[in-house]
PDB file of all heavy atoms in Angstrom:
ATOM      1  N   GLU A   1      73.042 150.261 107.107  1.00  0.00           N
ATOM      2  CA  GLU A   1      73.665 149.259 106.263  1.00  0.00           C
ATOM      3  C   GLU A   1      74.446 148.262 107.104  1.00  0.00           C
ATOM      4  O   GLU A   1      74.429 147.063 106.871  1.00  0.00           O
ATOM      5  CB  GLU A   1      74.597 149.926 105.248  1.00  0.00           C
ATOM      6  CG  GLU A   1      73.874 150.735 104.163  1.00  0.00           C
ATOM      7  CD  GLU A   1      73.347 152.068 104.655  1.00  0.00           C
ATOM      8  OE1 GLU A   1      73.798 152.523 105.708  1.00  0.00           O
ATOM      9  OE2 GLU A   1      72.507 152.665 103.981  1.00  0.00           O
ATOM     10  N   THR A   2      75.143 148.770 108.122  1.00  0.00           N
ATOM     11  CA  THR A   2      75.916 147.904 108.997  1.00  0.00           C
ATOM     12  C   THR A   2      75.008 146.980 109.778  1.00  0.00           C
ATOM     13  O   THR A   2      75.280 145.796 109.945  1.00  0.00           O
ATOM     14  CB  THR A   2      76.775 148.733 109.961  1.00  0.00           C
ATOM     15  OG1 THR A   2      77.610 149.623 109.209  1.00  0.00           O
ATOM     16  CG2 THR A   2      77.650 147.829 110.798  1.00  0.00           C
ATOM     17  N   ILE A   3      73.889 147.492 110.245  1.00  0.00           N
ATOM     18  CA  ILE A   3      72.915 146.668 110.948  1.00  0.00           C
ATOM     19  C   ILE A   3      72.439 145.539 110.051  1.00  0.00           C
ATOM     20  O   ILE A   3      72.385 144.376 110.459  1.00  0.00           O
ATOM     21  CB  ILE A   3      71.724 147.520 111.415  1.00  0.00           C
ATOM     22  CG1 ILE A   3      72.163 148.488 112.506  1.00  0.00           C
ATOM     23  CG2 ILE A   3      70.590 146.635 111.916  1.00  0.00           C
ATOM     24  CD1 ILE A   3      71.135 149.549 112.823  1.00  0.00           C
ATOM     25  N   ALA A   4      72.107 145.866 108.808  1.00  0.00           N
ATOM     26  CA  ALA A   4      71.624 144.859 107.868  1.00  0.00           C
ATOM     27  C   ALA A   4      72.679 143.780 107.631  1.00  0.00           C
ATOM     28  O   ALA A   4      72.371 142.599 107.528  1.00  0.00           O
ATOM     29  CB  ALA A   4      71.219 145.508 106.553  1.00  0.00           C
ATOM     30  N   GLU A   5      73.936 144.203 107.555  1.00  0.00           N
ATOM     31  CA  GLU A   5      75.012 143.257 107.324  1.00  0.00           C
ATOM     32  C   GLU A   5      75.174 142.287 108.481  1.00  0.00           C
ATOM     33  O   GLU A   5      75.550 141.131 108.305  1.00  0.00           O
ATOM     34  CB  GLU A   5      76.326 143.999 107.095  1.00  0.00           C
ATOM     35  CG  GLU A   5      76.386 144.722 105.739  1.00  0.00           C
ATOM     36  CD  GLU A   5      77.574 145.638 105.634  1.00  0.00           C
ATOM     37  OE1 GLU A   5      78.388 145.649 106.575  1.00  0.00           O
ATOM     38  OE2 GLU A   5      77.696 146.354 104.612  1.00  0.00           O
ATOM     39  N   LEU A   6      74.905 142.752 109.685  1.00  0.00           N
ATOM     40  CA  LEU A   6      75.098 141.923 110.859  1.00  0.00           C
ATOM     41  C   LEU A   6      73.948 140.976 111.129  1.00  0.00           C
ATOM     42  O   LEU A   6      74.106 139.985 111.821  1.00  0.00           O
ATOM     43  CB  LEU A   6      75.331 142.806 112.088  1.00  0.00           C
ATOM     44  CG  LEU A   6      76.704 143.470 112.175  1.00  0.00           C
ATOM     45  CD1 LEU A   6      76.726 144.501 113.270  1.00  0.00           C
ATOM     46  CD2 LEU A   6      77.764 142.416 112.449  1.00  0.00           C
ATOM     47  N   LEU A   7      72.783 141.300 110.578  1.00  0.00           N
ATOM     48  CA  LEU A   7      71.644 140.428 110.784  1.00  0.00           C
ATOM     49  C   LEU A   7      71.893 139.095 110.105  1.00  0.00           C
ATOM     50  O   LEU A   7      72.492 139.016 109.037  1.00  0.00           O
ATOM     51  CB  LEU A   7      70.365 141.067 110.228  1.00  0.00           C
ATOM     52  CG  LEU A   7      69.837 142.260 111.017  1.00  0.00           C
ATOM     53  CD1 LEU A   7      68.705 142.936 110.254  1.00  0.00           C
ATOM     54  CD2 LEU A   7      69.344 141.825 112.401  1.00  0.00           C
ATOM     55  N   PRO A   8      71.431 137.984 110.735  1.00  0.00           N
ATOM     56  CA  PRO A   8      71.664 136.673 110.150  1.00  0.00           C
ATOM     57  C   PRO A   8      71.027 136.530 108.781  1.00  0.00           C
ATOM     58  O   PRO A   8      69.959 137.067 108.510  1.00  0.00           O
ATOM     59  CB  PRO A   8      71.021 135.716 111.171  1.00  0.00           C
ATOM     60  CG  PRO A   8      70.126 136.556 111.984  1.00  0.00           C
ATOM     61  CD  PRO A   8      70.669 137.934 111.987  1.00  0.00           C
ATOM     62  N   LYS A   9      71.697 135.829 107.893  1.00  0.00           N
ATOM     63  CA  LYS A   9      71.224 135.661 106.527  1.00  0.00           C
ATOM     64  C   LYS A   9      70.571 134.304 106.352  1.00  0.00           C
ATOM     65  O   LYS A   9      71.108 133.287 106.800  1.00  0.00           O
ATOM     66  CB  LYS A   9      72.388 135.813 105.543  1.00  0.00           C
ATOM     67  CG  LYS A   9      73.181 137.104 105.658  1.00  0.00           C
ATOM     68  CD  LYS A   9      72.352 138.327 105.377  1.00  0.00           C
ATOM     69  CE  LYS A   9      73.177 139.592 105.231  1.00  0.00           C
ATOM     70  NZ  LYS A   9      73.913 139.932 106.434  1.00  0.00           N
ATOM     71  N   ASN A  10      69.433 134.287 105.723  1.00  0.00           N
ATOM     72  CA  ASN A  10      68.787 133.059 105.293  1.00  0.00           C
ATOM     73  C   ASN A  10      67.818 133.417 104.183  1.00  0.00           C
ATOM     74  O   ASN A  10      67.439 134.577 104.033  1.00  0.00           O
ATOM     75  CB  ASN A  10      68.069 132.343 106.455  1.00  0.00           C
ATOM     76  CG  ASN A  10      66.880 133.114 106.967  1.00  0.00           C
ATOM     77  OD1 ASN A  10      65.822 133.106 106.350  1.00  0.00           O
ATOM     78  ND2 ASN A  10      67.041 133.779 108.111  1.00  0.00           N
ATOM     79  N   PRO A  11      67.421 132.440 103.363  1.00  0.00           N
ATOM     80  CA  PRO A  11      66.586 132.750 102.192  1.00  0.00           C
ATOM     81  C   PRO A  11      65.296 133.456 102.527  1.00  0.00           C
ATOM     82  O   PRO A  11      64.882 134.376 101.826  1.00  0.00           O
ATOM     83  CB  PRO A  11      66.325 131.379 101.570  1.00  0.00           C
ATOM     84  CG  PRO A  11      67.408 130.506 102.077  1.00  0.00           C
ATOM     85  CD  PRO A  11      67.782 131.029 103.418  1.00  0.00           C
ATOM     86  N   VAL A  12      64.630 133.050 103.617  1.00  0.00           N
ATOM     87  CA  VAL A  12      63.360 133.665 103.962  1.00  0.00           C
ATOM     88  C   VAL A  12      63.557 135.102 104.383  1.00  0.00           C
ATOM     89  O   VAL A  12      62.836 136.006 103.962  1.00  0.00           O
ATOM     90  CB  VAL A  12      62.652 132.865 105.077  1.00  0.00           C
ATOM     91  CG1 VAL A  12      61.408 133.611 105.531  1.00  0.00           C
ATOM     92  CG2 VAL A  12      62.288 131.472 104.589  1.00  0.00           C
ATOM     93  N   MET A  13      64.577 135.324 105.215  1.00  0.00           N
ATOM     94  CA  MET A  13      64.799 136.676 105.706  1.00  0.00           C
ATOM     95  C   MET A  13      65.186 137.619 104.575  1.00  0.00           C
ATOM     96  O   MET A  13      64.759 138.762 104.527  1.00  0.00           O
ATOM     97  CB  MET A  13      65.878 136.679 106.792  1.00  0.00           C
ATOM     98  CG  MET A  13      66.017 137.994 107.515  1.00  0.00           C
ATOM     99  SD  MET A  13      64.494 138.469 108.344  1.00  0.00           S
ATOM    100  CE  MET A  13      64.966 140.027 109.044  1.00  0.00           C
ATOM    101  N   SER A  14      66.014 137.113 103.635  1.00  0.00           N
ATOM    102  CA  SER A  14      66.409 137.984 102.544  1.00  0.00           C
ATOM    103  C   SER A  14      65.204 138.360 101.698  1.00  0.00           C
ATOM    104  O   SER A  14      65.101 139.493 101.247  1.00  0.00           O
ATOM    105  CB  SER A  14      67.480 137.313 101.685  1.00  0.00           C
ATOM    106  OG  SER A  14      67.021 136.128 101.124  1.00  0.00           O
ATOM    107  N   LYS A  15      64.274 137.454 101.501  1.00  0.00           N
ATOM    108  CA  LYS A  15      63.048 137.778 100.786  1.00  0.00           C
ATOM    109  C   LYS A  15      62.203 138.756 101.583  1.00  0.00           C
ATOM    110  O   LYS A  15      61.609 139.681 101.043  1.00  0.00           O
ATOM    111  CB  LYS A  15      62.251 136.498 100.541  1.00  0.00           C
ATOM    112  CG  LYS A  15      62.549 135.776  99.273  1.00  0.00           C
ATOM    113  CD  LYS A  15      61.913 136.362  98.124  1.00  0.00           C
ATOM    114  CE  LYS A  15      62.042 135.560  96.869  1.00  0.00           C
ATOM    115  NZ  LYS A  15      61.108 134.552  96.740  1.00  0.00           N
ATOM    116  N   THR A  16      62.168 138.529 102.880  1.00  0.00           N
ATOM    117  CA  THR A  16      61.334 139.356 103.720  1.00  0.00           C
ATOM    118  C   THR A  16      61.827 140.791 103.754  1.00  0.00           C
ATOM    119  O   THR A  16      61.043 141.721 103.836  1.00  0.00           O
ATOM    120  CB  THR A  16      61.266 138.783 105.151  1.00  0.00           C
ATOM    121  OG1 THR A  16      60.863 137.436 105.093  1.00  0.00           O
ATOM    122  CG2 THR A  16      60.273 139.556 105.974  1.00  0.00           C
ATOM    123  N   ILE A  17      63.124 140.998 103.670  1.00  0.00           N
ATOM    124  CA  ILE A  17      63.663 142.343 103.613  1.00  0.00           C
ATOM    125  C   ILE A  17      63.151 143.060 102.372  1.00  0.00           C
ATOM    126  O   ILE A  17      62.835 144.236 102.389  1.00  0.00           O
ATOM    127  CB  ILE A  17      65.205 142.308 103.659  1.00  0.00           C
ATOM    128  CG1 ILE A  17      65.674 141.895 105.065  1.00  0.00           C
ATOM    129  CG2 ILE A  17      65.786 143.657 103.297  1.00  0.00           C
ATOM    130  CD1 ILE A  17      67.151 141.627 105.169  1.00  0.00           C
ATOM    131  N   VAL A  18      63.057 142.345 101.265  1.00  0.00           N
ATOM    132  CA  VAL A  18      62.468 142.926 100.056  1.00  0.00           C
ATOM    133  C   VAL A  18      61.002 143.253 100.298  1.00  0.00           C
ATOM    134  O   VAL A  18      60.485 144.275  99.897  1.00  0.00           O
ATOM    135  CB  VAL A  18      62.617 141.957  98.857  1.00  0.00           C
ATOM    136  CG1 VAL A  18      61.880 142.500  97.641  1.00  0.00           C
ATOM    137  CG2 VAL A  18      64.081 141.754  98.520  1.00  0.00           C
ATOM    138  N   PHE A  19      60.299 142.364 101.006  1.00  0.00           N
ATOM    139  CA  PHE A  19      58.903 142.549 101.314  1.00  0.00           C
ATOM    140  C   PHE A  19      58.762 143.517 102.490  1.00  0.00           C
ATOM    141  O   PHE A  19      58.377 143.150 103.587  1.00  0.00           O
ATOM    142  CB  PHE A  19      58.261 141.192 101.622  1.00  0.00           C
ATOM    143  CG  PHE A  19      56.793 141.217 101.874  1.00  0.00           C
ATOM    144  CD1 PHE A  19      56.002 142.214 101.363  1.00  0.00           C
ATOM    145  CD2 PHE A  19      56.189 140.238 102.621  1.00  0.00           C
ATOM    146  CE1 PHE A  19      54.646 142.234 101.597  1.00  0.00           C
ATOM    147  CE2 PHE A  19      54.829 140.237 102.853  1.00  0.00           C
ATOM    148  CZ  PHE A  19      54.059 141.237 102.341  1.00  0.00           C
ATOM    149  N   ASN A  20      59.161 144.740 102.247  1.00  0.00           N
ATOM    150  CA  ASN A  20      59.224 145.763 103.280  1.00  0.00           C
ATOM    151  C   ASN A  20      58.647 147.061 102.737  1.00  0.00           C
ATOM    152  O   ASN A  20      59.355 147.833 102.099  1.00  0.00           O
ATOM    153  CB  ASN A  20      60.674 145.958 103.731  1.00  0.00           C
ATOM    154  CG  ASN A  20      60.830 147.071 104.750  1.00  0.00           C
ATOM    155  OD1 ASN A  20      59.843 147.647 105.212  1.00  0.00           O
ATOM    156  ND2 ASN A  20      62.065 147.393 105.084  1.00  0.00           N
ATOM    157  N   PRO A  21      57.370 147.306 102.958  1.00  0.00           N
ATOM    158  CA  PRO A  21      56.758 148.515 102.416  1.00  0.00           C
ATOM    159  C   PRO A  21      57.465 149.798 102.795  1.00  0.00           C
ATOM    160  O   PRO A  21      57.439 150.770 102.047  1.00  0.00           O
ATOM    161  CB  PRO A  21      55.339 148.480 102.999  1.00  0.00           C
ATOM    162  CG  PRO A  21      55.084 147.048 103.303  1.00  0.00           C
ATOM    163  CD  PRO A  21      56.415 146.497 103.715  1.00  0.00           C
ATOM    164  N   LEU A  22      58.099 149.818 103.964  1.00  0.00           N
ATOM    165  CA  LEU A  22      58.758 151.031 104.412  1.00  0.00           C
ATOM    166  C   LEU A  22      59.990 151.360 103.587  1.00  0.00           C
ATOM    167  O   LEU A  22      60.504 152.467 103.648  1.00  0.00           O
ATOM    168  CB  LEU A  22      59.129 150.917 105.889  1.00  0.00           C
ATOM    169  CG  LEU A  22      57.948 150.880 106.859  1.00  0.00           C
ATOM    170  CD1 LEU A  22      58.446 150.757 108.283  1.00  0.00           C
ATOM    171  CD2 LEU A  22      57.098 152.135 106.732  1.00  0.00           C
ATOM    172  N   SER A  23      60.508 150.409 102.842  1.00  0.00           N
ATOM    173  CA  SER A  23      61.662 150.687 101.997  1.00  0.00           C
ATOM    174  C   SER A  23      61.258 151.334 100.688  1.00  0.00           C
ATOM    175  O   SER A  23      62.113 151.719  99.898  1.00  0.00           O
ATOM    176  CB  SER A  23      62.426 149.389 101.716  1.00  0.00           C
ATOM    177  OG  SER A  23      61.659 148.537 100.868  1.00  0.00           O
ATOM    178  N   LEU A  24      59.976 151.433 100.452  1.00  0.00           N
ATOM    179  CA  LEU A  24      59.478 151.992  99.217  1.00  0.00           C
ATOM    180  C   LEU A  24      58.764 153.311  99.476  1.00  0.00           C
ATOM    181  O   LEU A  24      58.063 153.449 100.477  1.00  0.00           O
ATOM    182  CB  LEU A  24      58.506 151.023  98.551  1.00  0.00           C
ATOM    183  CG  LEU A  24      59.060 149.646  98.184  1.00  0.00           C
ATOM    184  CD1 LEU A  24      57.931 148.754  97.715  1.00  0.00           C
ATOM    185  CD2 LEU A  24      60.104 149.765  97.109  1.00  0.00           C
ATOM    186  N   PRO A  25      58.924 154.264  98.582  1.00  0.00           N
ATOM    187  CA  PRO A  25      58.192 155.517  98.761  1.00  0.00           C
ATOM    188  C   PRO A  25      56.698 155.350  98.559  1.00  0.00           C
ATOM    189  O   PRO A  25      55.905 156.094  99.125  1.00  0.00           O
ATOM    190  CB  PRO A  25      58.802 156.418  97.683  1.00  0.00           C
ATOM    191  CG  PRO A  25      59.385 155.491  96.688  1.00  0.00           C
ATOM    192  CD  PRO A  25      59.818 154.276  97.427  1.00  0.00           C
ATOM    193  N   THR A  26      56.282 154.388  97.771  1.00  0.00           N
ATOM    194  CA  THR A  26      54.883 154.142  97.487  1.00  0.00           C
ATOM    195  C   THR A  26      54.642 152.643  97.418  1.00  0.00           C
ATOM    196  O   THR A  26      55.361 151.922  96.724  1.00  0.00           O
ATOM    197  CB  THR A  26      54.480 154.785  96.152  1.00  0.00           C
ATOM    198  OG1 THR A  26      54.642 156.194  96.237  1.00  0.00           O
ATOM    199  CG2 THR A  26      53.036 154.482  95.819  1.00  0.00           C
ATOM    200  N   TYR A  27      53.626 152.189  98.132  1.00  0.00           N
ATOM    201  CA  TYR A  27      53.336 150.773  98.200  1.00  0.00           C
ATOM    202  C   TYR A  27      51.824 150.590  98.080  1.00  0.00           C
ATOM    203  O   TYR A  27      51.061 151.213  98.812  1.00  0.00           O
ATOM    204  CB  TYR A  27      53.848 150.217  99.530  1.00  0.00           C
ATOM    205  CG  TYR A  27      53.514 148.769  99.811  1.00  0.00           C
ATOM    206  CD1 TYR A  27      54.217 147.749  99.183  1.00  0.00           C
ATOM    207  CD2 TYR A  27      52.526 148.426 100.719  1.00  0.00           C
ATOM    208  CE1 TYR A  27      53.927 146.424  99.454  1.00  0.00           C
ATOM    209  CE2 TYR A  27      52.227 147.110 100.996  1.00  0.00           C
ATOM    210  CZ  TYR A  27      52.933 146.111 100.366  1.00  0.00           C
ATOM    211  OH  TYR A  27      52.647 144.805 100.639  1.00  0.00           O
ATOM    212  N   VAL A  28      51.384 149.754  97.140  1.00  0.00           N
ATOM    213  CA  VAL A  28      49.962 149.544  96.908  1.00  0.00           C
ATOM    214  C   VAL A  28      49.661 148.057  96.828  1.00  0.00           C
ATOM    215  O   VAL A  28      50.249 147.342  96.024  1.00  0.00           O
ATOM    216  CB  VAL A  28      49.485 150.233  95.615  1.00  0.00           C
ATOM    217  CG1 VAL A  28      47.986 149.998  95.401  1.00  0.00           C
ATOM    218  CG2 VAL A  28      49.769 151.739  95.663  1.00  0.00           C
ATOM    219  N   MET A  29      48.737 147.591  97.664  1.00  0.00           N
ATOM    220  CA  MET A  29      48.223 146.231  97.565  1.00  0.00           C
ATOM    221  C   MET A  29      47.153 146.178  96.478  1.00  0.00           C
ATOM    222  O   MET A  29      46.220 146.977  96.496  1.00  0.00           O
ATOM    223  CB  MET A  29      47.583 145.792  98.886  1.00  0.00           C
ATOM    224  CG  MET A  29      48.503 145.373  99.953  1.00  0.00           C
ATOM    225  SD  MET A  29      47.548 144.738 101.357  1.00  0.00           S
ATOM    226  CE  MET A  29      48.874 144.317 102.466  1.00  0.00           C
ATOM    227  N   ALA A  30      47.286 145.268  95.556  1.00  0.00           N
ATOM    228  CA  ALA A  30      46.329 145.157  94.466  1.00  0.00           C
ATOM    229  C   ALA A  30      45.332 144.030  94.718  1.00  0.00           C
ATOM    230  O   ALA A  30      45.729 142.882  94.976  1.00  0.00           O
ATOM    231  CB  ALA A  30      47.058 144.914  93.150  1.00  0.00           C
ATOM    232  N   LYS A  31      44.045 144.362  94.661  1.00  0.00           N
ATOM    233  CA  LYS A  31      42.966 143.398  94.896  1.00  0.00           C
ATOM    234  C   LYS A  31      42.501 142.838  93.551  1.00  0.00           C
ATOM    235  O   LYS A  31      41.658 143.417  92.876  1.00  0.00           O
ATOM    236  CB  LYS A  31      41.804 144.077  95.617  1.00  0.00           C
ATOM    237  CG  LYS A  31      42.199 144.828  96.895  1.00  0.00           C
ATOM    238  CD  LYS A  31      42.442 143.875  98.036  1.00  0.00           C
ATOM    239  CE  LYS A  31      42.733 144.623  99.331  1.00  0.00           C
ATOM    240  NZ  LYS A  31      42.832 143.715 100.493  1.00  0.00           N
ATOM    241  N   THR A  32      43.038 141.727  93.167  1.00  0.00           N
ATOM    242  CA  THR A  32      42.781 141.200  91.833  1.00  0.00           C
ATOM    243  C   THR A  32      41.351 140.713  91.635  1.00  0.00           C
ATOM    244  O   THR A  32      40.846 140.697  90.519  1.00  0.00           O
ATOM    245  CB  THR A  32      43.733 140.036  91.521  1.00  0.00           C
ATOM    246  OG1 THR A  32      43.488 138.954  92.430  1.00  0.00           O
ATOM    247  CG2 THR A  32      45.170 140.484  91.688  1.00  0.00           C
ATOM    248  N   ILE A  33      40.714 140.338  92.717  1.00  0.00           N
ATOM    249  CA  ILE A  33      39.361 139.793  92.642  1.00  0.00           C
ATOM    250  C   ILE A  33      38.437 140.506  93.633  1.00  0.00           C
ATOM    251  O   ILE A  33      37.401 140.001  94.032  1.00  0.00           O
ATOM    252  CB  ILE A  33      39.377 138.260  92.907  1.00  0.00           C
ATOM    253  CG1 ILE A  33      38.100 137.583  92.409  1.00  0.00           C
ATOM    254  CG2 ILE A  33      39.700 137.935  94.326  1.00  0.00           C
ATOM    255  CD1 ILE A  33      38.032 137.419  90.921  1.00  0.00           C
ATOM    256  N   GLY A  34      38.838 141.715  94.016  1.00  0.00           N
ATOM    257  CA  GLY A  34      38.066 142.466  94.991  1.00  0.00           C
ATOM    258  C   GLY A  34      37.980 141.718  96.311  1.00  0.00           C
ATOM    259  O   GLY A  34      38.973 141.200  96.823  1.00  0.00           O
TER     260      GLY A  34
END
C-alpha cells in the first residue's frame, strides 16, 4: 500500500492499476467476435 501511495499519480496510471489481472483472483478476456 505504501509503495502504491508513493508511485506518481496520473489519470492513465490510475486506470492502468485497475487494469491489472494480478489484482484479481480470476481474469477472463472475452472474444466478442471470435
